Every structure is written in structure tokens, then in C-alpha cells.
Amino acid sequence: MEFVDMMRYFGALLLVLALVGGAGLVARRFGVPGVTRAAADKRLAIVETLMVGPRQRLFIVRRDDVEHLVLSGPDGATVLETGIRGAGTAASGVDRTGAAS
């Protein structure tokens, strides 16, 4: 194999890798399904987690502006509390029971 052939193969490899990387960046930017979108566009997030046992975990899950408390374990998941207002509501002078402070 001559030097020119090796350079041709190496150049082709670089071109293919650049095309794959460029396609990945375009897919990520425009939100192709299966590729992560920007964090500002997401409606669902896990706000906080807490281990309460060796195999049990508490999650605070936020969807839009409402939070839900979920207990997850080996037997499945259970919603403990729902309709919790986000942390921004408590900081504005209204506590979690809805009474003004």
C-alpha cells in the first residue's frame, strides 16, 4: 500500500467522522426524537432525591409548575403527595397549605 492510498483512507475516515459528528450536533440542536433537548424546553424534571432505606428512594418530580412526592422501591412506585406547588410559591409569602403568611 502506497502513501497516497493511506492518506486517501485516512481522509475518508476523517470525512465520515466529521459528517457523523455534524449530524449529531444538528439532531441535538433541533430536538430530533431520542436526542436530548435543551433543559429550558423540558416540562418534566426530578428536583430532588433522598435515600430512605437500602432500596427505597423518595423523589420530588416536577411537571410544569407542580411537584409530586414519589416513593420508589423494589416493589414499585407510589405517589405519596401530589399537587405540591414549587419552591417559588413558598418564597413568595404563601406556605404549602395555601394560607398567606
PDB file of N, CA and C in Angstrom:
ATOM      1  N   MET A   1       0.855  -1.167   0.000  1.00  0.00           N
ATOM      2  CA  MET A   1       0.000   0.000   0.000  1.00  0.00           C
ATOM      3  C   MET A   1       0.906   1.236   0.000  1.00  0.00           C
ATOM      4  N   GLU A   2       0.609   2.128  -0.877  1.00  0.00           N
ATOM      5  CA  GLU A   2       1.423   3.324  -1.007  1.00  0.00           C
ATOM      6  C   GLU A   2       0.944   4.414  -0.056  1.00  0.00           C
ATOM      7  N   PHE A   3       1.791   5.405   0.076  1.00  0.00           N
ATOM      8  CA  PHE A   3       1.494   6.538   0.965  1.00  0.00           C
ATOM      9  C   PHE A   3       0.236   7.292   0.522  1.00  0.00           C
ATOM     10  N   VAL A   4       0.036   7.429  -0.766  1.00  0.00           N
ATOM     11  CA  VAL A   4      -1.125   8.150  -1.300  1.00  0.00           C
ATOM     12  C   VAL A   4      -2.415   7.410  -0.942  1.00  0.00           C
ATOM     13  N   ASP A   5      -2.402   6.087  -1.006  1.00  0.00           N
ATOM     14  CA  ASP A   5      -3.583   5.298  -0.641  1.00  0.00           C
ATOM     15  C   ASP A   5      -3.904   5.439   0.846  1.00  0.00           C
ATOM     16  N   MET A   6      -2.855   5.408   1.673  1.00  0.00           N
ATOM     17  CA  MET A   6      -3.068   5.565   3.116  1.00  0.00           C
ATOM     18  C   MET A   6      -3.658   6.939   3.433  1.00  0.00           C
ATOM     19  N   MET A   7      -3.165   7.977   2.782  1.00  0.00           N
ATOM     20  CA  MET A   7      -3.699   9.316   3.011  1.00  0.00           C
ATOM     21  C   MET A   7      -5.147   9.417   2.535  1.00  0.00           C
ATOM     22  N   ARG A   8      -5.481   8.744   1.442  1.00  0.00           N
ATOM     23  CA  ARG A   8      -6.852   8.742   0.943  1.00  0.00           C
ATOM     24  C   ARG A   8      -7.787   8.063   1.950  1.00  0.00           C
ATOM     25  N   TYR A   9      -7.389   6.915   2.506  1.00  0.00           N
ATOM     26  CA  TYR A   9      -8.200   6.215   3.503  1.00  0.00           C
ATOM     27  C   TYR A   9      -8.357   7.044   4.775  1.00  0.00           C
ATOM     28  N   PHE A  10      -7.276   7.651   5.206  1.00  0.00           N
ATOM     29  CA  PHE A  10      -7.319   8.492   6.401  1.00  0.00           C
ATOM     30  C   PHE A  10      -8.224   9.706   6.178  1.00  0.00           C
ATOM     31  N   GLY A  11      -8.140  10.320   5.013  1.00  0.00           N
ATOM     32  CA  GLY A  11      -9.007  11.461   4.690  1.00  0.00           C
ATOM     33  C   GLY A  11     -10.475  11.060   4.636  1.00  0.00           C
ATOM     34  N   ALA A  12     -10.756   9.887   4.073  1.00  0.00           N
ATOM     35  CA  ALA A  12     -12.132   9.399   4.022  1.00  0.00           C
ATOM     36  C   ALA A  12     -12.666   9.130   5.426  1.00  0.00           C
ATOM     37  N   LEU A  13     -11.833   8.568   6.285  1.00  0.00           N
ATOM     38  CA  LEU A  13     -12.233   8.327   7.666  1.00  0.00           C
ATOM     39  C   LEU A  13     -12.547   9.633   8.379  1.00  0.00           C
ATOM     40  N   LEU A  14     -11.709  10.625   8.223  1.00  0.00           N
ATOM     41  CA  LEU A  14     -11.952  11.932   8.847  1.00  0.00           C
ATOM     42  C   LEU A  14     -13.246  12.567   8.323  1.00  0.00           C
ATOM     43  N   LEU A  15     -13.495  12.436   7.042  1.00  0.00           N
ATOM     44  CA  LEU A  15     -14.714  12.989   6.459  1.00  0.00           C
ATOM     45  C   LEU A  15     -15.955  12.314   7.025  1.00  0.00           C
ATOM     46  N   VAL A  16     -15.940  10.999   7.144  1.00  0.00           N
ATOM     47  CA  VAL A  16     -17.081  10.270   7.697  1.00  0.00           C
ATOM     48  C   VAL A  16     -17.301  10.646   9.160  1.00  0.00           C
ATOM     49  N   LEU A  17     -16.239  10.734   9.939  1.00  0.00           N
ATOM     50  CA  LEU A  17     -16.375  11.120  11.352  1.00  0.00           C
ATOM     51  C   LEU A  17     -16.906  12.540  11.490  1.00  0.00           C
ATOM     52  N   ALA A  18     -16.468  13.441  10.636  1.00  0.00           N
ATOM     53  CA  ALA A  18     -16.975  14.817  10.672  1.00  0.00           C
ATOM     54  C   ALA A  18     -18.451  14.861  10.307  1.00  0.00           C
ATOM     55  N   LEU A  19     -18.867  14.080   9.338  1.00  0.00           N
ATOM     56  CA  LEU A  19     -20.285  14.045   8.958  1.00  0.00           C
ATOM     57  C   LEU A  19     -21.157  13.473  10.074  1.00  0.00           C
ATOM     58  N   VAL A  20     -20.703  12.424  10.728  1.00  0.00           N
ATOM     59  CA  VAL A  20     -21.457  11.837  11.839  1.00  0.00           C
ATOM     60  C   VAL A  20     -21.542  12.834  12.996  1.00  0.00           C
ATOM     61  N   GLY A  21     -20.437  13.486  13.326  1.00  0.00           N
ATOM     62  CA  GLY A  21     -20.454  14.486  14.399  1.00  0.00           C
ATOM     63  C   GLY A  21     -21.357  15.663  14.064  1.00  0.00           C
ATOM     64  N   GLY A  22     -21.309  16.133  12.830  1.00  0.00           N
ATOM     65  CA  GLY A  22     -22.177  17.235  12.410  1.00  0.00           C
ATOM     66  C   GLY A  22     -23.641  16.848  12.466  1.00  0.00           C
ATOM     67  N   ALA A  23     -23.967  15.614  12.063  1.00  0.00           N
ATOM     68  CA  ALA A  23     -25.356  15.153  12.135  1.00  0.00           C
ATOM     69  C   ALA A  23     -25.819  15.072  13.589  1.00  0.00           C
ATOM     70  N   GLY A  24     -24.948  14.665  14.482  1.00  0.00           N
ATOM     71  CA  GLY A  24     -25.299  14.622  15.907  1.00  0.00           C
ATOM     72  C   GLY A  24     -25.563  16.003  16.473  1.00  0.00           C
ATOM     73  N   LEU A  25     -24.741  16.975  16.105  1.00  0.00           N
ATOM     74  CA  LEU A  25     -24.947  18.342  16.576  1.00  0.00           C
ATOM     75  C   LEU A  25     -26.254  18.933  16.039  1.00  0.00           C
ATOM     76  N   VAL A  26     -26.551  18.674  14.777  1.00  0.00           N
ATOM     77  CA  VAL A  26     -27.807  19.163  14.193  1.00  0.00           C
ATOM     78  C   VAL A  26     -29.003  18.505  14.874  1.00  0.00           C
ATOM     79  N   ALA A  27     -28.918  17.204  15.128  1.00  0.00           N
ATOM     80  CA  ALA A  27     -30.011  16.494  15.796  1.00  0.00           C
ATOM     81  C   ALA A  27     -30.225  17.024  17.201  1.00  0.00           C
ATOM     82  N   ARG A  28     -29.161  17.314  17.901  1.00  0.00           N
ATOM     83  CA  ARG A  28     -29.284  17.834  19.265  1.00  0.00           C
ATOM     84  C   ARG A  28     -29.859  19.244  19.274  1.00  0.00           C
ATOM     85  N   ARG A  29     -29.453  20.056  18.329  1.00  0.00           N
ATOM     86  CA  ARG A  29     -29.913  21.449  18.280  1.00  0.00           C
ATOM     87  C   ARG A  29     -31.392  21.558  17.945  1.00  0.00           C
ATOM     88  N   PHE A  30     -31.867  20.750  17.028  1.00  0.00           N
ATOM     89  CA  PHE A  30     -33.245  20.864  16.575  1.00  0.00           C
ATOM     90  C   PHE A  30     -34.189  19.871  17.235  1.00  0.00           C
ATOM     91  N   GLY A  31     -33.736  19.153  18.239  1.00  0.00           N
ATOM     92  CA  GLY A  31     -34.620  18.324  19.040  1.00  0.00           C
ATOM     93  C   GLY A  31     -35.190  17.118  18.322  1.00  0.00           C
ATOM     94  N   VAL A  32     -34.360  16.370  17.635  1.00  0.00           N
ATOM     95  CA  VAL A  32     -34.808  15.136  16.999  1.00  0.00           C
ATOM     96  C   VAL A  32     -35.194  14.145  18.100  1.00  0.00           C
ATOM     97  N   PRO A  33     -36.318  13.425  17.956  1.00  0.00           N
ATOM     98  CA  PRO A  33     -36.724  12.466  18.997  1.00  0.00           C
ATOM     99  C   PRO A  33     -35.624  11.462  19.306  1.00  0.00           C
ATOM    100  N   GLY A  34     -35.430  11.210  20.592  1.00  0.00           N
ATOM    101  CA  GLY A  34     -34.396  10.288  21.020  1.00  0.00           C
ATOM    102  C   GLY A  34     -33.088  10.968  21.371  1.00  0.00           C
ATOM    103  N   VAL A  35     -32.958  12.236  21.056  1.00  0.00           N
ATOM    104  CA  VAL A  35     -31.763  13.002  21.380  1.00  0.00           C
ATOM    105  C   VAL A  35     -32.183  14.075  22.382  1.00  0.00           C
ATOM    106  N   THR A  36     -31.396  14.312  23.398  1.00  0.00           N
ATOM    107  CA  THR A  36     -31.747  15.236  24.471  1.00  0.00           C
ATOM    108  C   THR A  36     -31.984  16.643  23.954  1.00  0.00           C
ATOM    109  N   ARG A  37     -33.092  17.255  24.413  1.00  0.00           N
ATOM    110  CA  ARG A  37     -33.372  18.643  24.073  1.00  0.00           C
ATOM    111  C   ARG A  37     -32.764  19.559  25.129  1.00  0.00           C
ATOM    112  N   ALA A  38     -32.799  20.842  24.868  1.00  0.00           N
ATOM    113  CA  ALA A  38     -32.280  21.815  25.827  1.00  0.00           C
ATOM    114  C   ALA A  38     -33.108  21.764  27.112  1.00  0.00           C
ATOM    115  N   ALA A  39     -32.476  22.033  28.251  1.00  0.00           N
ATOM    116  CA  ALA A  39     -33.133  21.933  29.551  1.00  0.00           C
ATOM    117  C   ALA A  39     -34.303  22.904  29.678  1.00  0.00           C
ATOM    118  N   ALA A  40     -34.266  24.038  29.009  1.00  0.00           N
ATOM    119  CA  ALA A  40     -35.338  25.017  29.111  1.00  0.00           C
ATOM    120  C   ALA A  40     -36.625  24.522  28.455  1.00  0.00           C
ATOM    121  N   ASP A  41     -36.536  23.578  27.520  1.00  0.00           N
ATOM    122  CA  ASP A  41     -37.707  23.071  26.816  1.00  0.00           C
ATOM    123  C   ASP A  41     -38.385  21.922  27.539  1.00  0.00           C
ATOM    124  N   LYS A  42     -37.776  21.347  28.537  1.00  0.00           N
ATOM    125  CA  LYS A  42     -38.324  20.178  29.207  1.00  0.00           C
ATOM    126  C   LYS A  42     -39.403  20.575  30.199  1.00  0.00           C
ATOM    127  N   ARG A  43     -40.464  19.774  30.257  1.00  0.00           N
ATOM    128  CA  ARG A  43     -41.558  20.010  31.195  1.00  0.00           C
ATOM    129  C   ARG A  43     -41.437  19.131  32.424  1.00  0.00           C
ATOM    130  N   LEU A  44     -40.653  18.072  32.362  1.00  0.00           N
ATOM    131  CA  LEU A  44     -40.558  17.098  33.431  1.00  0.00           C
ATOM    132  C   LEU A  44     -39.134  17.070  33.972  1.00  0.00           C
ATOM    133  N   ALA A  45     -39.010  17.093  35.322  1.00  0.00           N
ATOM    134  CA  ALA A  45     -37.675  17.072  35.923  1.00  0.00           C
ATOM    135  C   ALA A  45     -37.746  16.424  37.301  1.00  0.00           C
ATOM    136  N   ILE A  46     -36.665  15.776  37.694  1.00  0.00           N
ATOM    137  CA  ILE A  46     -36.530  15.283  39.060  1.00  0.00           C
ATOM    138  C   ILE A  46     -35.804  16.369  39.832  1.00  0.00           C
ATOM    139  N   VAL A  47     -36.511  16.963  40.794  1.00  0.00           N
ATOM    140  CA  VAL A  47     -35.982  18.103  41.539  1.00  0.00           C
ATOM    141  C   VAL A  47     -35.004  17.641  42.613  1.00  0.00           C
ATOM    142  N   GLU A  48     -35.374  16.587  43.333  1.00  0.00           N
ATOM    143  CA  GLU A  48     -34.552  16.153  44.453  1.00  0.00           C
ATOM    144  C   GLU A  48     -34.802  14.673  44.715  1.00  0.00           C
ATOM    145  N   THR A  49     -33.793  13.971  45.220  1.00  0.00           N
ATOM    146  CA  THR A  49     -33.942  12.569  45.616  1.00  0.00           C
ATOM    147  C   THR A  49     -33.379  12.383  47.010  1.00  0.00           C
ATOM    148  N   LEU A  50     -33.915  11.390  47.717  1.00  0.00           N
ATOM    149  CA  LEU A  50     -33.449  11.090  49.070  1.00  0.00           C
ATOM    150  C   LEU A  50     -33.554   9.595  49.289  1.00  0.00           C
ATOM    151  N   MET A  51     -32.467   8.975  49.705  1.00  0.00           N
ATOM    152  CA  MET A  51     -32.482   7.554  50.044  1.00  0.00           C
ATOM    153  C   MET A  51     -33.071   7.412  51.448  1.00  0.00           C
ATOM    154  N   VAL A  52     -34.155   6.663  51.606  1.00  0.00           N
ATOM    155  CA  VAL A  52     -34.786   6.477  52.911  1.00  0.00           C
ATOM    156  C   VAL A  52     -34.547   5.075  53.449  1.00  0.00           C
ATOM    157  N   GLY A  53     -33.991   4.216  52.648  1.00  0.00           N
ATOM    158  CA  GLY A  53     -33.674   2.852  53.047  1.00  0.00           C
ATOM    159  C   GLY A  53     -32.657   2.293  52.080  1.00  0.00           C
ATOM    160  N   PRO A  54     -32.262   1.047  52.294  1.00  0.00           N
ATOM    161  CA  PRO A  54     -31.255   0.475  51.402  1.00  0.00           C
ATOM    162  C   PRO A  54     -31.747   0.337  49.963  1.00  0.00           C
ATOM    163  N   ARG A  55     -33.067   0.195  49.767  1.00  0.00           N
ATOM    164  CA  ARG A  55     -33.589   0.040  48.410  1.00  0.00           C
ATOM    165  C   ARG A  55     -34.794   0.931  48.145  1.00  0.00           C
ATOM    166  N   GLN A  56     -35.064   1.876  49.037  1.00  0.00           N
ATOM    167  CA  GLN A  56     -36.183   2.794  48.871  1.00  0.00           C
ATOM    168  C   GLN A  56     -35.653   4.211  48.670  1.00  0.00           C
ATOM    169  N   ARG A  57     -36.325   4.943  47.797  1.00  0.00           N
ATOM    170  CA  ARG A  57     -35.893   6.303  47.482  1.00  0.00           C
ATOM    171  C   ARG A  57     -37.118   7.196  47.315  1.00  0.00           C
ATOM    172  N   LEU A  58     -37.014   8.415  47.852  1.00  0.00           N
ATOM    173  CA  LEU A  58     -38.041   9.439  47.654  1.00  0.00           C
ATOM    174  C   LEU A  58     -37.610  10.357  46.528  1.00  0.00           C
ATOM    175  N   PHE A  59     -38.553  10.703  45.656  1.00  0.00           N
ATOM    176  CA  PHE A  59     -38.306  11.628  44.556  1.00  0.00           C
ATOM    177  C   PHE A  59     -39.276  12.781  44.656  1.00  0.00           C
ATOM    178  N   ILE A  60     -38.819  13.976  44.364  1.00  0.00           N
ATOM    179  CA  ILE A  60     -39.718  15.090  44.086  1.00  0.00           C
ATOM    180  C   ILE A  60     -39.633  15.307  42.584  1.00  0.00           C
ATOM    181  N   VAL A  61     -40.761  15.082  41.914  1.00  0.00           N
ATOM    182  CA  VAL A  61     -40.838  15.182  40.469  1.00  0.00           C
ATOM    183  C   VAL A  61     -41.638  16.427  40.122  1.00  0.00           C
ATOM    184  N   ARG A  62     -41.096  17.271  39.255  1.00  0.00           N
ATOM    185  CA  ARG A  62     -41.795  18.490  38.832  1.00  0.00           C
ATOM    186  C   ARG A  62     -42.278  18.331  37.393  1.00  0.00           C
ATOM    187  N   ARG A  63     -43.580  18.588  37.186  1.00  0.00           N
ATOM    188  CA  ARG A  63     -44.162  18.644  35.854  1.00  0.00           C
ATOM    189  C   ARG A  63     -44.835  19.990  35.736  1.00  0.00           C
ATOM    190  N   ASP A  64     -44.433  20.771  34.756  1.00  0.00           N
ATOM    191  CA  ASP A  64     -44.836  22.166  34.620  1.00  0.00           C
ATOM    192  C   ASP A  64     -44.465  22.887  35.911  1.00  0.00           C
ATOM    193  N   ASP A  65     -45.409  23.412  36.686  1.00  0.00           N
ATOM    194  CA  ASP A  65     -45.074  24.090  37.946  1.00  0.00           C
ATOM    195  C   ASP A  65     -45.604  23.347  39.156  1.00  0.00           C
ATOM    196  N   VAL A  66     -45.947  22.084  39.016  1.00  0.00           N
ATOM    197  CA  VAL A  66     -46.500  21.291  40.105  1.00  0.00           C
ATOM    198  C   VAL A  66     -45.524  20.169  40.428  1.00  0.00           C
ATOM    199  N   GLU A  67     -45.315  19.946  41.733  1.00  0.00           N
ATOM    200  CA  GLU A  67     -44.397  18.901  42.167  1.00  0.00           C
ATOM    201  C   GLU A  67     -45.177  17.752  42.785  1.00  0.00           C
ATOM    202  N   HIS A  68     -44.614  16.543  42.671  1.00  0.00           N
ATOM    203  CA  HIS A  68     -45.223  15.335  43.216  1.00  0.00           C
ATOM    204  C   HIS A  68     -44.166  14.586  44.011  1.00  0.00           C
ATOM    205  N   LEU A  69     -44.566  14.030  45.164  1.00  0.00           N
ATOM    206  CA  LEU A  69     -43.660  13.247  46.005  1.00  0.00           C
ATOM    207  C   LEU A  69     -43.907  11.776  45.715  1.00  0.00           C
ATOM    208  N   VAL A  70     -42.876  11.061  45.285  1.00  0.00           N
ATOM    209  CA  VAL A  70     -42.999   9.670  44.867  1.00  0.00           C
ATOM    210  C   VAL A  70     -42.015   8.823  45.661  1.00  0.00           C
ATOM    211  N   LEU A  71     -42.506   7.692  46.197  1.00  0.00           N
ATOM    212  CA  LEU A  71     -41.662   6.719  46.887  1.00  0.00           C
ATOM    213  C   LEU A  71     -41.438   5.554  45.938  1.00  0.00           C
ATOM    214  N   SER A  72     -40.171   5.234  45.692  1.00  0.00           N
ATOM    215  CA  SER A  72     -39.823   4.153  44.776  1.00  0.00           C
ATOM    216  C   SER A  72     -39.051   3.091  45.527  1.00  0.00           C
ATOM    217  N   GLY A  73     -39.413   1.838  45.276  1.00  0.00           N
ATOM    218  CA  GLY A  73     -38.731   0.719  45.904  1.00  0.00           C
ATOM    219  C   GLY A  73     -38.744  -0.471  44.973  1.00  0.00           C
ATOM    220  N   PRO A  74     -38.268  -1.613  45.457  1.00  0.00           N
ATOM    221  CA  PRO A  74     -38.213  -2.794  44.597  1.00  0.00           C
ATOM    222  C   PRO A  74     -39.592  -3.309  44.193  1.00  0.00           C
ATOM    223  N   ASP A  75     -40.630  -2.992  44.976  1.00  0.00           N
ATOM    224  CA  ASP A  75     -41.989  -3.460  44.671  1.00  0.00           C
ATOM    225  C   ASP A  75     -42.726  -2.525  43.735  1.00  0.00           C
ATOM    226  N   GLY A  76     -42.149  -1.367  43.396  1.00  0.00           N
ATOM    227  CA  GLY A  76     -42.800  -0.418  42.501  1.00  0.00           C
ATOM    228  C   GLY A  76     -42.706   0.995  43.051  1.00  0.00           C
ATOM    229  N   ALA A  77     -43.542   1.864  42.511  1.00  0.00           N
ATOM    230  CA  ALA A  77     -43.537   3.276  42.912  1.00  0.00           C
ATOM    231  C   ALA A  77     -44.925   3.663  43.403  1.00  0.00           C
ATOM    232  N   THR A  78     -44.970   4.559  44.390  1.00  0.00           N
ATOM    233  CA  THR A  78     -46.217   5.046  44.957  1.00  0.00           C
ATOM    234  C   THR A  78     -46.154   6.560  45.058  1.00  0.00           C
ATOM    235  N   VAL A  79     -47.233   7.225  44.628  1.00  0.00           N
ATOM    236  CA  VAL A  79     -47.321   8.677  44.766  1.00  0.00           C
ATOM    237  C   VAL A  79     -47.811   8.966  46.176  1.00  0.00           C
ATOM    238  N   LEU A  80     -46.981   9.633  46.983  1.00  0.00           N
ATOM    239  CA  LEU A  80     -47.339   9.946  48.364  1.00  0.00           C
ATOM    240  C   LEU A  80     -48.101  11.260  48.481  1.00  0.00           C
ATOM    241  N   GLU A  81     -47.704  12.234  47.696  1.00  0.00           N
ATOM    242  CA  GLU A  81     -48.341  13.547  47.745  1.00  0.00           C
ATOM    243  C   GLU A  81     -48.298  14.153  46.358  1.00  0.00           C
ATOM    244  N   THR A  82     -49.363  14.811  45.985  1.00  0.00           N
ATOM    245  CA  THR A  82     -49.434  15.397  44.654  1.00  0.00           C
ATOM    246  C   THR A  82     -49.945  16.828  44.751  1.00  0.00           C
ATOM    247  N   GLY A  83     -49.690  17.597  43.729  1.00  0.00           N
ATOM    248  CA  GLY A  83     -50.175  18.982  43.703  1.00  0.00           C
ATOM    249  C   GLY A  83     -49.374  19.932  44.561  1.00  0.00           C
ATOM    250  N   ILE A  84     -48.154  19.597  44.894  1.00  0.00           N
ATOM    251  CA  ILE A  84     -47.307  20.482  45.693  1.00  0.00           C
ATOM    252  C   ILE A  84     -46.861  21.627  44.800  1.00  0.00           C
ATOM    253  N   ARG A  85     -47.013  22.840  45.267  1.00  0.00           N
ATOM    254  CA  ARG A  85     -46.527  23.982  44.484  1.00  0.00           C
ATOM    255  C   ARG A  85     -45.015  24.025  44.583  1.00  0.00           C
ATOM    256  N   GLY A  86     -44.367  24.571  43.570  1.00  0.00           N
ATOM    257  CA  GLY A  86     -42.907  24.635  43.525  1.00  0.00           C
ATOM    258  C   GLY A  86     -42.326  25.519  44.607  1.00  0.00           C
ATOM    259  N   ALA A  87     -41.009  25.534  44.728  1.00  0.00           N
ATOM    260  CA  ALA A  87     -40.310  26.308  45.751  1.00  0.00           C
ATOM    261  C   ALA A  87     -40.528  27.805  45.567  1.00  0.00           C
ATOM    262  N   GLY A  88     -40.784  28.264  44.359  1.00  0.00           N
ATOM    263  CA  GLY A  88     -41.020  29.679  44.108  1.00  0.00           C
ATOM    264  C   GLY A  88     -42.280  30.185  44.789  1.00  0.00           C
ATOM    265  N   THR A  89     -43.296  29.321  44.960  1.00  0.00           N
ATOM    266  CA  THR A  89     -44.541  29.720  45.613  1.00  0.00           C
ATOM    267  C   THR A  89     -44.321  29.946  47.100  1.00  0.00           C
ATOM    268  N   ALA A  90     -43.557  29.073  47.763  1.00  0.00           N
ATOM    269  CA  ALA A  90     -43.316  29.214  49.194  1.00  0.00           C
ATOM    270  C   ALA A  90     -42.492  30.462  49.483  1.00  0.00           C
ATOM    271  N   ALA A  91     -41.613  30.834  48.597  1.00  0.00           N
ATOM    272  CA  ALA A  91     -40.773  32.003  48.820  1.00  0.00           C
ATOM    273  C   ALA A  91     -41.541  33.301  48.622  1.00  0.00           C
ATOM    274  N   SER A  92     -42.717  33.252  47.992  1.00  0.00           N
ATOM    275  CA  SER A  92     -43.456  34.468  47.725  1.00  0.00           C
ATOM    276  C   SER A  92     -44.421  34.861  48.841  1.00  0.00           C
ATOM    277  N   GLY A  93     -44.345  34.175  49.996  1.00  0.00           N
ATOM    278  CA  GLY A  93     -45.180  34.561  51.107  1.00  0.00           C
ATOM    279  C   GLY A  93     -46.374  33.653  51.300  1.00  0.00           C
ATOM    280  N   VAL A  94     -46.560  32.618  50.519  1.00  0.00           N
ATOM    281  CA  VAL A  94     -47.643  31.679  50.684  1.00  0.00           C
ATOM    282  C   VAL A  94     -47.026  30.331  51.038  1.00  0.00           C
ATOM    283  N   ASP A  95     -47.477  29.754  52.187  1.00  0.00           N
ATOM    284  CA  ASP A  95     -46.892  28.484  52.559  1.00  0.00           C
ATOM    285  C   ASP A  95     -47.588  27.347  51.806  1.00  0.00           C
ATOM    286  N   ARG A  96     -47.193  26.114  52.069  1.00  0.00           N
ATOM    287  CA  ARG A  96     -47.681  24.971  51.280  1.00  0.00           C
ATOM    288  C   ARG A  96     -49.153  24.657  51.549  1.00  0.00           C
ATOM    289  N   THR A  97     -49.731  25.158  52.632  1.00  0.00           N
ATOM    290  CA  THR A  97     -51.142  24.921  52.902  1.00  0.00           C
ATOM    291  C   THR A  97     -52.028  25.923  52.172  1.00  0.00           C
ATOM    292  N   GLY A  98     -51.464  26.948  51.596  1.00  0.00           N
ATOM    293  CA  GLY A  98     -52.221  27.928  50.846  1.00  0.00           C
ATOM    294  C   GLY A  98     -52.558  29.170  51.646  1.00  0.00           C
ATOM    295  N   ALA A  99     -52.232  29.195  52.945  1.00  0.00           N
ATOM    296  CA  ALA A  99     -52.524  30.365  53.771  1.00  0.00           C
ATOM    297  C   ALA A  99     -51.417  31.388  53.613  1.00  0.00           C
ATOM    298  N   ALA A 100     -51.818  32.653  53.588  1.00  0.00           N
ATOM    299  CA  ALA A 100     -50.836  33.736  53.474  1.00  0.00           C
ATOM    300  C   ALA A 100     -50.101  33.877  54.799  1.00  0.00           C
ATOM    301  N   SER A 101     -48.795  34.157  54.722  1.00  0.00           N
ATOM    302  CA  SER A 101     -48.015  34.328  55.953  1.00  0.00           C
ATOM    303  C   SER A 101     -47.801  35.776  56.269  1.00  0.00           C
TER     304      SER A 101
END
